[in-house]
Amino acid sequence: MMKGEEMKEIKIGMLGFGTVGTGVVRVLRENEREITAKAGVKLTLKSVLVRDAKKERPYMEGLHLTENVDEILNDEEIDIVIELLGGIHPAREYMLVAMEKGKNVVTANKDVVAQFGKDMFEAMEKYGVDFHFEASVGGGIPIVMPLKQCLTANRVTEIMGIINGTTNYMLSQMAENGSDYDSVLKEAQAKGYAEANPAADVEGLDAARKIAILASIAFNTRIRFEDVSVEGITKVTPEDIEYAKALGYVVKLLAIGRDCGEAGVDVRVHPVFLPKAHPLASVNDVYNAIFVRGNAIGEAMFYGRGAGSLPTASAVVADVIDIARDMQLDTFGRLHCTCYAHKSLCPVEETKASYYVRLLVDDEPGVLAAIATAFGNHKVSLKSVIQTRRYKERAEIVAVTHVVKHRKMQEAAADLEKLAVVSEIRSIIRVENPQEDGAC
């Protein structure tokens, strides 16, 4: 198109036609009139890459389906490519080829953005195209654009979120029904919330990829997936959740990013005891929420469905509309890479938190003194200690510490395991309490 020439139609190619791809088609069709008015141009889905072009797809008639990706990548009429294949390979390679051929790219692929975001932005700049990825984090919840645009006047100091619907559903069910981990996992799989192999969700890997993306944007420094300290929910028990309730907390799998100044950037995923008064504490079921703290805005939270066909498609199509607007203005890269700072990482051993510790010990005099000494030897101060359950000749003791470095907590735990009166350390879970002095 010549500069100044009125654009009448923008053609799109889509790679992948699964749950989100089906949602994209629905959104484009059902909201066609509004989308055309908002984009200022007609958006036409020209071709879709599928595994089996002969497979029947009800309500999707009229689409041109192809099993040959080159048919899309080499089509000069296609200006925007939507990548919905998931995984790293061959999705990453397809996106890079698309940009090399002058096509703008929209993706929902957290794996590629978290591990190869630098490559994608470099290709964007090199070939003069746009690269948008709002749907890679939070499904339909707008968070990438707000961080890059609406909150850009802030110095963001903290971003913390429930960004995996599967684990949030499981923990919510455990809290409401007293179910154990294995039972709620089977239930989540039966409802389609969890995959047959749920490792990416329950071990925290999905959330780790997402917080790597968000922390990179929030703190203007590159955080890779491998930089994130990760712990999943597989060891959380109904007993832990009951103790949390008794102490005034709920158990959540949180993705946490903090800019700790000279100490570096702290980015991690793990279960936490979260105060019931915290805005994230009431986020249940499959819902997601992202809490942001900035020096100008104060506190803000973004809440909604973090996955699903239509919510994720909403974010994908919004990116397409934004690119369409850029194309009509003959511009690109307004939301370019913002990782201009080079901040160090805060080693997980140096991060600070309070801790909930659950121990099975001998039920005899002097036990509490021995445990207190083991904590004290590593300068771990105890806020409270309670004993509520007995198991024949043993007792269960729960201790909550004041804020301490993770390294000190690990050292104290190692000494506790050596004590003859300690049969088992059943749980160690961080207590998230931002109001406490000393927490990074």
Protein backbone atom coordinates (compact mmCIF):
# COMPACT_ATOMS: atom_id res chain seq x y z
CA MET A 1 0.00 0.00 0.00
CA MET A 2 1.31 3.45 -0.91
CA LYS A 3 1.68 5.94 1.93
CA GLY A 4 -1.46 8.06 2.22
CA GLU A 5 -3.57 5.48 0.36
CA GLU A 6 -6.75 4.50 2.17
CA MET A 7 -6.66 0.92 3.44
CA LYS A 8 -9.87 -1.02 2.89
CA GLU A 9 -9.02 -4.50 4.14
CA ILE A 10 -6.33 -6.26 6.15
CA LYS A 11 -5.95 -9.99 5.67
CA ILE A 12 -4.94 -12.34 8.46
CA GLY A 13 -3.40 -15.80 8.59
CA MET A 14 -3.78 -17.96 11.69
CA LEU A 15 -1.54 -20.81 12.81
CA GLY A 16 -3.50 -23.28 14.90
CA PHE A 17 -7.21 -23.92 15.25
CA GLY A 18 -7.70 -25.27 18.74
CA THR A 19 -9.70 -23.83 21.61
CA VAL A 20 -8.36 -20.28 21.31
CA GLY A 21 -8.36 -20.33 17.50
CA THR A 22 -12.02 -21.28 17.49
CA GLY A 23 -12.66 -18.40 19.87
CA VAL A 24 -10.83 -15.97 17.58
CA VAL A 25 -13.09 -16.94 14.67
CA ARG A 26 -16.18 -16.47 16.83
CA VAL A 27 -15.07 -13.05 18.07
CA LEU A 28 -14.19 -11.85 14.56
CA ARG A 29 -17.55 -13.03 13.21
CA GLU A 30 -19.87 -12.09 16.07
CA ASN A 31 -18.33 -8.65 16.62
CA GLU A 32 -17.48 -7.91 12.99
CA ARG A 33 -19.33 -4.61 12.77
CA GLU A 34 -17.83 -3.24 16.02
CA ILE A 35 -14.35 -4.50 15.17
CA THR A 36 -14.41 -2.87 11.73
CA ALA A 37 -15.52 0.44 13.26
CA LYS A 38 -12.87 0.32 15.98
CA ALA A 39 -10.06 -0.84 13.70
CA GLY A 40 -11.03 1.59 10.94
CA VAL A 41 -10.62 -1.19 8.38
CA LYS A 42 -12.15 -4.58 7.56
CA LEU A 43 -10.25 -7.50 9.07
CA THR A 44 -10.49 -10.73 7.06
CA LEU A 45 -9.24 -14.12 8.20
CA LYS A 46 -7.91 -15.50 4.92
CA SER A 47 -6.21 -18.78 5.86
CA VAL A 48 -5.90 -21.07 8.87
CA LEU A 49 -3.17 -23.66 9.44
CA VAL A 50 -4.58 -26.97 10.75
CA ARG A 51 -3.34 -30.51 11.15
CA ASP A 52 -6.25 -32.03 9.23
CA ALA A 53 -8.01 -29.83 6.69
CA LYS A 54 -10.67 -32.50 6.07
CA LYS A 55 -11.85 -32.62 9.68
CA GLU A 56 -15.40 -31.37 10.15
CA ARG A 57 -15.64 -28.15 12.12
CA PRO A 58 -19.26 -27.13 12.76
CA TYR A 59 -20.04 -23.42 12.55
CA MET A 60 -16.68 -22.73 10.93
CA GLU A 61 -17.80 -23.03 7.32
CA GLY A 62 -16.30 -20.71 4.75
CA LEU A 63 -12.80 -20.70 6.22
CA HIS A 64 -9.87 -21.61 4.02
CA LEU A 65 -7.97 -24.35 5.87
CA THR A 66 -4.48 -25.51 4.94
CA GLU A 67 -2.00 -28.05 6.22
CA ASN A 68 0.90 -26.18 4.58
CA VAL A 69 2.31 -23.33 6.69
CA ASP A 70 4.15 -21.89 3.68
CA GLU A 71 0.81 -21.13 2.12
CA ILE A 72 0.35 -18.53 4.86
CA LEU A 73 3.93 -17.39 5.40
CA ASN A 74 4.50 -16.80 1.67
CA ASP A 75 1.15 -15.16 0.98
CA GLU A 76 1.89 -11.51 0.19
CA GLU A 77 -1.73 -10.55 0.85
CA ILE A 78 -1.50 -11.59 4.49
CA ASP A 79 -0.26 -8.74 6.71
CA ILE A 80 -0.91 -10.20 10.18
CA VAL A 81 -0.14 -13.71 11.41
CA ILE A 82 -1.79 -15.00 14.58
CA GLU A 83 0.24 -17.80 16.19
CA LEU A 84 -1.79 -20.16 18.40
CA LEU A 85 0.18 -23.41 18.08
CA GLY A 86 1.67 -23.27 21.57
CA GLY A 87 5.04 -24.70 22.60
CA ILE A 88 8.38 -23.41 21.40
CA HIS A 89 9.00 -25.39 18.21
CA PRO A 90 8.00 -24.84 15.46
CA ALA A 91 5.98 -21.83 16.68
CA ARG A 92 9.06 -19.68 17.30
CA GLU A 93 10.51 -20.42 13.87
CA TYR A 94 7.21 -19.70 12.12
CA MET A 95 6.89 -16.34 13.85
CA LEU A 96 10.43 -15.34 12.95
CA VAL A 97 9.86 -16.29 9.29
CA ALA A 98 6.60 -14.33 9.28
CA MET A 99 8.38 -11.21 10.54
CA GLU A 100 11.22 -11.70 8.08
CA LYS A 101 8.61 -11.64 5.32
CA GLY A 102 7.21 -8.35 6.62
CA LYS A 103 4.22 -9.72 8.48
CA ASN A 104 3.08 -8.48 11.89
CA VAL A 105 2.69 -11.17 14.55
CA VAL A 106 0.20 -11.69 17.37
CA THR A 107 0.74 -14.60 19.74
CA ALA A 108 -0.65 -16.17 22.91
CA ASN A 109 2.54 -18.20 23.34
CA LYS A 110 3.98 -17.68 26.83
CA ASP A 111 6.71 -20.27 26.24
CA VAL A 112 8.27 -18.37 23.35
CA VAL A 113 7.84 -14.92 24.92
CA ALA A 114 9.29 -16.02 28.27
CA GLN A 115 12.36 -17.72 26.79
CA PHE A 116 12.92 -15.96 23.48
CA GLY A 117 11.31 -12.55 23.89
CA LYS A 118 14.62 -10.85 23.12
CA ASP A 119 14.86 -12.62 19.76
CA MET A 120 11.29 -11.71 18.87
CA PHE A 121 11.74 -8.03 19.64
CA GLU A 122 15.01 -7.91 17.71
CA ALA A 123 13.25 -9.42 14.68
CA MET A 124 10.43 -6.91 15.08
CA GLU A 125 12.87 -4.00 14.98
CA LYS A 126 14.93 -5.48 12.16
CA TYR A 127 12.01 -6.12 9.82
CA GLY A 128 9.85 -3.13 10.76
CA VAL A 129 6.79 -5.02 11.97
CA ASP A 130 4.73 -5.31 15.16
CA PHE A 131 4.91 -8.12 17.71
CA HIS A 132 2.07 -8.28 20.26
CA PHE A 133 1.49 -10.85 23.00
CA GLU A 134 -1.24 -9.64 25.38
CA ALA A 135 -2.85 -13.10 25.48
CA SER A 136 0.36 -14.80 26.67
CA VAL A 137 -0.42 -13.80 30.28
CA GLY A 138 -3.77 -13.73 31.99
CA GLY A 139 -5.99 -14.82 29.12
CA GLY A 140 -8.58 -12.10 28.73
CA ILE A 141 -7.21 -9.94 31.55
CA PRO A 142 -5.48 -6.85 30.12
CA ILE A 143 -2.08 -6.57 31.80
CA VAL A 144 0.71 -6.38 29.17
CA MET A 145 -0.72 -3.23 27.58
CA PRO A 146 -1.42 -1.51 30.93
CA LEU A 147 2.14 -2.17 32.11
CA LYS A 148 3.65 -0.98 28.83
CA GLN A 149 1.38 2.01 28.37
CA CYS A 150 -1.11 2.99 31.08
CA LEU A 151 1.29 2.52 34.03
CA THR A 152 4.46 3.56 32.27
CA ALA A 153 4.76 6.77 34.34
CA ASN A 154 5.20 4.64 37.47
CA ARG A 155 8.19 2.96 38.99
CA VAL A 156 6.65 -0.44 39.61
CA THR A 157 8.03 -2.00 42.77
CA GLU A 158 5.88 -5.12 43.02
CA ILE A 159 3.80 -7.35 40.77
CA MET A 160 2.11 -10.33 42.32
CA GLY A 161 -0.54 -12.59 40.93
CA ILE A 162 -2.66 -15.70 40.78
CA ILE A 163 -1.94 -16.51 37.15
CA ASN A 164 -2.71 -20.21 36.86
CA GLY A 165 -6.39 -21.12 36.94
CA THR A 166 -5.84 -24.87 37.42
CA THR A 167 -3.94 -24.55 40.69
CA ASN A 168 -6.24 -21.81 41.95
CA TYR A 169 -9.24 -24.05 41.32
CA MET A 170 -7.56 -26.94 43.11
CA LEU A 171 -6.59 -24.89 46.17
CA SER A 172 -10.06 -23.33 46.28
CA GLN A 173 -11.66 -26.79 46.30
CA MET A 174 -9.29 -28.01 49.00
CA ALA A 175 -10.22 -25.00 51.13
CA GLU A 176 -13.98 -25.28 50.57
CA ASN A 177 -14.40 -29.05 50.79
CA GLY A 178 -11.39 -30.27 52.74
CA SER A 179 -10.40 -32.46 49.79
CA ASP A 180 -6.88 -33.77 49.40
CA TYR A 181 -4.53 -32.96 46.52
CA ASP A 182 -5.07 -36.20 44.56
CA SER A 183 -8.87 -35.88 44.69
CA VAL A 184 -9.00 -32.28 43.47
CA LEU A 185 -6.48 -33.02 40.73
CA LYS A 186 -8.73 -35.78 39.36
CA GLU A 187 -11.71 -33.45 39.57
CA ALA A 188 -9.81 -30.69 37.73
CA GLN A 189 -8.84 -33.16 35.00
CA ALA A 190 -12.42 -34.39 34.68
CA LYS A 191 -13.64 -30.80 34.18
CA GLY A 192 -10.94 -30.04 31.63
CA TYR A 193 -9.11 -27.56 33.87
CA ALA A 194 -6.02 -29.77 34.14
CA GLU A 195 -4.18 -31.73 31.46
CA ALA A 196 -3.60 -35.48 31.62
CA ASN A 197 -0.01 -34.52 32.47
CA PRO A 198 -0.59 -31.59 34.86
CA ALA A 199 3.08 -30.92 35.65
CA ALA A 200 3.26 -27.48 34.00
CA ASP A 201 0.42 -26.26 36.21
CA VAL A 202 0.86 -28.03 39.54
CA GLU A 203 4.64 -27.66 39.61
CA GLY A 204 4.39 -23.93 38.98
CA LEU A 205 6.08 -23.87 35.56
CA ASP A 206 3.17 -22.21 33.75
CA ALA A 207 3.05 -19.41 36.34
CA ALA A 208 6.84 -19.07 36.20
CA ARG A 209 6.78 -18.38 32.45
CA LYS A 210 4.08 -15.76 32.93
CA ILE A 211 5.79 -13.94 35.81
CA ALA A 212 9.03 -13.88 33.79
CA ILE A 213 7.14 -11.94 31.10
CA LEU A 214 5.40 -9.61 33.56
CA ALA A 215 8.50 -8.91 35.65
CA SER A 216 10.53 -8.10 32.53
CA ILE A 217 7.96 -5.47 31.56
CA ALA A 218 7.31 -4.17 35.08
CA PHE A 219 10.95 -3.74 36.06
CA ASN A 220 12.36 -2.90 32.60
CA THR A 221 14.95 -5.66 32.78
CA ARG A 222 15.14 -9.03 31.10
CA ILE A 223 13.91 -11.89 33.27
CA ARG A 224 14.13 -15.33 31.74
CA PHE A 225 12.08 -18.36 32.65
CA GLU A 226 15.16 -20.01 34.14
CA ASP A 227 15.68 -16.98 36.42
CA VAL A 228 12.45 -17.72 38.31
CA SER A 229 12.58 -19.73 41.54
CA VAL A 230 9.72 -22.25 41.32
CA GLU A 231 7.81 -24.46 43.76
CA GLY A 232 4.43 -26.01 43.01
CA ILE A 233 1.45 -27.09 45.10
CA THR A 234 2.04 -30.84 45.14
CA LYS A 235 3.05 -30.83 48.83
CA VAL A 236 0.16 -28.69 50.09
CA THR A 237 -2.18 -30.71 52.33
CA PRO A 238 -5.67 -30.17 53.77
CA GLU A 239 -3.98 -29.81 57.17
CA ASP A 240 -1.91 -26.87 55.89
CA ILE A 241 -5.05 -25.21 54.57
CA GLU A 242 -6.87 -25.71 57.89
CA TYR A 243 -3.96 -24.20 59.82
CA ALA A 244 -3.96 -21.28 57.40
CA LYS A 245 -7.64 -20.64 58.14
CA ALA A 246 -7.05 -20.81 61.89
CA LEU A 247 -4.19 -18.30 61.61
CA GLY A 248 -6.13 -15.84 59.43
CA TYR A 249 -4.71 -16.79 56.03
CA VAL A 250 -5.63 -18.54 52.80
CA VAL A 251 -3.27 -20.71 50.75
CA LYS A 252 -2.57 -19.50 47.20
CA LEU A 253 0.00 -20.26 44.53
CA LEU A 254 1.46 -16.82 43.91
CA ALA A 255 3.79 -15.54 41.23
CA ILE A 256 5.78 -12.73 42.81
CA GLY A 257 8.10 -10.12 41.37
CA ARG A 258 9.74 -7.38 43.44
CA ASP A 259 12.30 -4.73 42.66
CA CYS A 260 14.43 -4.78 45.80
CA GLY A 261 16.73 -1.95 44.75
CA GLU A 262 20.39 -2.69 45.36
CA ALA A 263 19.51 -6.25 46.42
CA GLY A 264 18.26 -6.95 42.88
CA VAL A 265 15.04 -8.22 41.37
CA ASP A 266 13.28 -11.03 43.22
CA VAL A 267 11.11 -13.26 41.00
CA ARG A 268 9.54 -16.49 42.25
CA VAL A 269 6.51 -18.80 42.23
CA HIS A 270 5.43 -20.79 45.27
CA PRO A 271 2.52 -21.49 47.63
CA VAL A 272 1.99 -18.85 50.30
CA PHE A 273 -0.09 -18.14 53.35
CA LEU A 274 -1.82 -14.95 52.25
CA PRO A 275 -3.66 -12.69 54.75
CA LYS A 276 -7.43 -12.87 54.26
CA ALA A 277 -7.53 -9.07 53.98
CA HIS A 278 -5.27 -9.03 50.90
CA PRO A 279 -7.13 -8.31 47.62
CA LEU A 280 -5.82 -11.54 46.08
CA ALA A 281 -7.13 -13.70 48.93
CA SER A 282 -10.72 -13.64 47.63
CA VAL A 283 -9.78 -14.73 44.08
CA ASN A 284 -11.10 -18.28 43.82
CA ASP A 285 -11.99 -21.03 41.37
CA VAL A 286 -10.41 -20.67 37.89
CA TYR A 287 -10.16 -16.89 38.09
CA ASN A 288 -6.88 -15.04 37.83
CA ALA A 289 -5.81 -11.69 39.25
CA ILE A 290 -2.67 -9.56 39.07
CA PHE A 291 -1.81 -7.05 41.79
CA VAL A 292 0.52 -4.18 40.94
CA ARG A 293 2.18 -1.68 43.25
CA GLY A 294 3.67 1.51 41.78
CA ASN A 295 5.16 4.62 43.35
CA ALA A 296 2.58 6.89 41.70
CA ILE A 297 -0.57 4.78 41.35
CA GLY A 298 -0.20 2.99 44.67
CA GLU A 299 -2.05 -0.32 44.38
CA ALA A 300 -4.08 -1.67 41.44
CA MET A 301 -5.51 -5.08 40.65
CA PHE A 302 -6.56 -6.67 37.36
CA TYR A 303 -9.08 -9.50 37.69
CA GLY A 304 -10.89 -11.87 35.35
CA ARG A 305 -10.82 -15.19 33.56
CA GLY A 306 -7.23 -16.14 32.93
CA ALA A 307 -7.90 -18.74 30.26
CA GLY A 308 -10.60 -20.13 27.99
CA SER A 309 -11.58 -19.81 24.38
CA LEU A 310 -13.36 -16.44 24.29
CA PRO A 311 -11.45 -14.57 27.04
CA THR A 312 -8.10 -15.39 25.41
CA ALA A 313 -9.49 -14.72 21.94
CA SER A 314 -10.59 -11.30 23.19
CA ALA A 315 -6.96 -10.40 23.95
CA VAL A 316 -5.73 -11.84 20.63
CA VAL A 317 -8.22 -9.88 18.55
CA ALA A 318 -7.54 -6.71 20.53
CA ASP A 319 -3.86 -7.03 19.54
CA VAL A 320 -4.90 -7.49 15.90
CA ILE A 321 -7.01 -4.33 16.06
CA ASP A 322 -4.11 -2.38 17.56
CA ILE A 323 -1.79 -3.51 14.77
CA ALA A 324 -4.42 -2.64 12.16
CA ARG A 325 -4.51 0.89 13.54
CA ASP A 326 -0.71 1.11 13.36
CA MET A 327 -0.72 -0.12 9.78
CA GLN A 328 -3.11 2.65 8.72
CA LEU A 329 -0.80 5.21 10.32
CA ASP A 330 2.18 3.58 8.63
CA THR A 331 3.93 2.97 11.94
CA PHE A 332 5.09 0.03 14.04
CA GLY A 333 6.86 -0.76 17.29
CA ARG A 334 5.04 1.71 19.53
CA LEU A 335 5.10 -0.93 22.25
CA HIS A 336 8.70 -1.92 21.67
CA CYS A 337 10.97 -3.84 24.01
CA THR A 338 11.30 -1.97 27.31
CA CYS A 339 14.07 -4.06 28.87
CA TYR A 340 16.53 -1.18 28.81
CA ALA A 341 17.78 -1.65 32.38
CA HIS A 342 20.23 -4.35 33.44
CA LYS A 343 19.25 -5.20 36.99
CA SER A 344 20.80 -8.03 38.95
CA LEU A 345 18.77 -10.93 40.29
CA CYS A 346 18.27 -11.29 44.01
CA PRO A 347 19.37 -14.88 44.83
CA VAL A 348 16.52 -16.88 46.31
CA GLU A 349 18.69 -17.60 49.36
CA GLU A 350 18.76 -13.87 50.13
CA THR A 351 15.01 -13.28 49.74
CA LYS A 352 13.03 -12.56 52.89
CA ALA A 353 9.73 -13.83 54.23
CA SER A 354 7.95 -15.13 57.28
CA TYR A 355 7.52 -18.91 57.35
CA TYR A 356 4.92 -21.40 58.50
CA VAL A 357 6.61 -24.61 59.69
CA ARG A 358 4.70 -27.77 60.63
CA LEU A 359 6.58 -30.44 62.58
CA LEU A 360 5.81 -33.89 63.97
CA VAL A 361 7.73 -34.25 67.25
CA ASP A 362 8.01 -36.45 70.33
CA ASP A 363 5.36 -35.54 72.88
CA GLU A 364 7.62 -35.07 75.89
CA PRO A 365 9.06 -32.27 78.04
CA GLY A 366 11.92 -30.20 76.59
CA VAL A 367 10.87 -30.56 72.94
CA LEU A 368 9.78 -26.96 72.49
CA ALA A 369 13.01 -25.72 74.04
CA ALA A 370 15.08 -27.85 71.65
CA ILE A 371 13.13 -26.60 68.65
CA ALA A 372 13.37 -22.98 69.76
CA THR A 373 17.13 -23.40 70.18
CA ALA A 374 17.51 -24.81 66.65
CA PHE A 375 15.67 -21.80 65.25
CA GLY A 376 17.54 -19.37 67.48
CA ASN A 377 20.96 -20.70 66.49
CA HIS A 378 20.27 -19.34 62.99
CA LYS A 379 18.66 -16.10 64.18
CA VAL A 380 15.18 -17.22 63.17
CA SER A 381 12.78 -15.48 65.53
CA LEU A 382 9.47 -17.18 66.28
CA LYS A 383 6.26 -15.15 66.20
CA SER A 384 4.00 -17.94 67.46
CA VAL A 385 4.03 -21.64 68.28
CA ILE A 386 0.91 -23.80 68.62
CA GLN A 387 0.25 -27.48 69.33
CA THR A 388 -3.17 -28.84 68.36
CA ARG A 389 -2.89 -32.49 67.28
CA ARG A 390 -1.52 -35.61 68.92
CA TYR A 391 -0.56 -38.85 67.17
CA LYS A 392 -0.07 -41.56 69.83
CA GLU A 393 3.27 -40.58 71.39
CA ARG A 394 3.90 -37.69 69.00
CA ALA A 395 2.55 -34.19 68.68
CA GLU A 396 2.14 -31.80 65.78
CA ILE A 397 3.63 -28.37 66.32
CA VAL A 398 3.14 -25.35 64.08
CA ALA A 399 5.49 -22.39 64.26
CA VAL A 400 5.27 -19.06 62.41
CA THR A 401 8.48 -17.07 62.16
CA HIS A 402 9.19 -13.38 61.85
CA VAL A 403 10.72 -12.17 58.57
CA VAL A 404 14.00 -13.92 57.89
CA LYS A 405 16.28 -14.64 54.95
CA HIS A 406 15.47 -17.85 53.10
CA ARG A 407 19.03 -19.03 53.66
CA LYS A 408 18.62 -18.79 57.43
CA MET A 409 15.34 -20.69 57.26
CA GLN A 410 17.00 -23.46 55.24
CA GLU A 411 19.83 -23.71 57.75
CA ALA A 412 17.38 -23.90 60.66
CA ALA A 413 15.36 -26.59 58.85
CA ALA A 414 18.51 -28.65 58.31
CA ASP A 415 19.24 -28.54 62.04
CA LEU A 416 15.64 -29.39 62.93
CA GLU A 417 15.84 -32.52 60.79
CA LYS A 418 18.86 -33.65 62.82
CA LEU A 419 17.08 -33.37 66.18
CA ALA A 420 16.17 -36.74 67.68
CA VAL A 421 12.88 -35.33 68.98
CA VAL A 422 11.76 -34.26 65.48
CA SER A 423 10.21 -37.13 63.53
CA GLU A 424 9.30 -35.14 60.40
CA ILE A 425 9.17 -31.65 58.94
CA ARG A 426 5.78 -31.89 57.30
CA SER A 427 5.55 -28.46 55.68
CA ILE A 428 7.43 -25.23 55.20
CA ILE A 429 5.42 -22.51 53.43
CA ARG A 430 6.16 -18.82 53.10
CA VAL A 431 3.84 -16.33 54.76
CA GLU A 432 3.20 -13.35 52.47
CA ASN A 433 2.74 -10.28 54.62
CA PRO A 434 3.91 -7.07 52.85
CA GLN A 435 3.14 -4.95 55.92
CA GLU A 436 5.88 -6.60 57.95
CA ASP A 437 9.07 -4.61 58.31
CA GLY A 438 12.02 -6.22 56.61
CA ALA A 439 10.13 -7.99 53.82
CA CYS A 440 11.65 -7.09 50.46
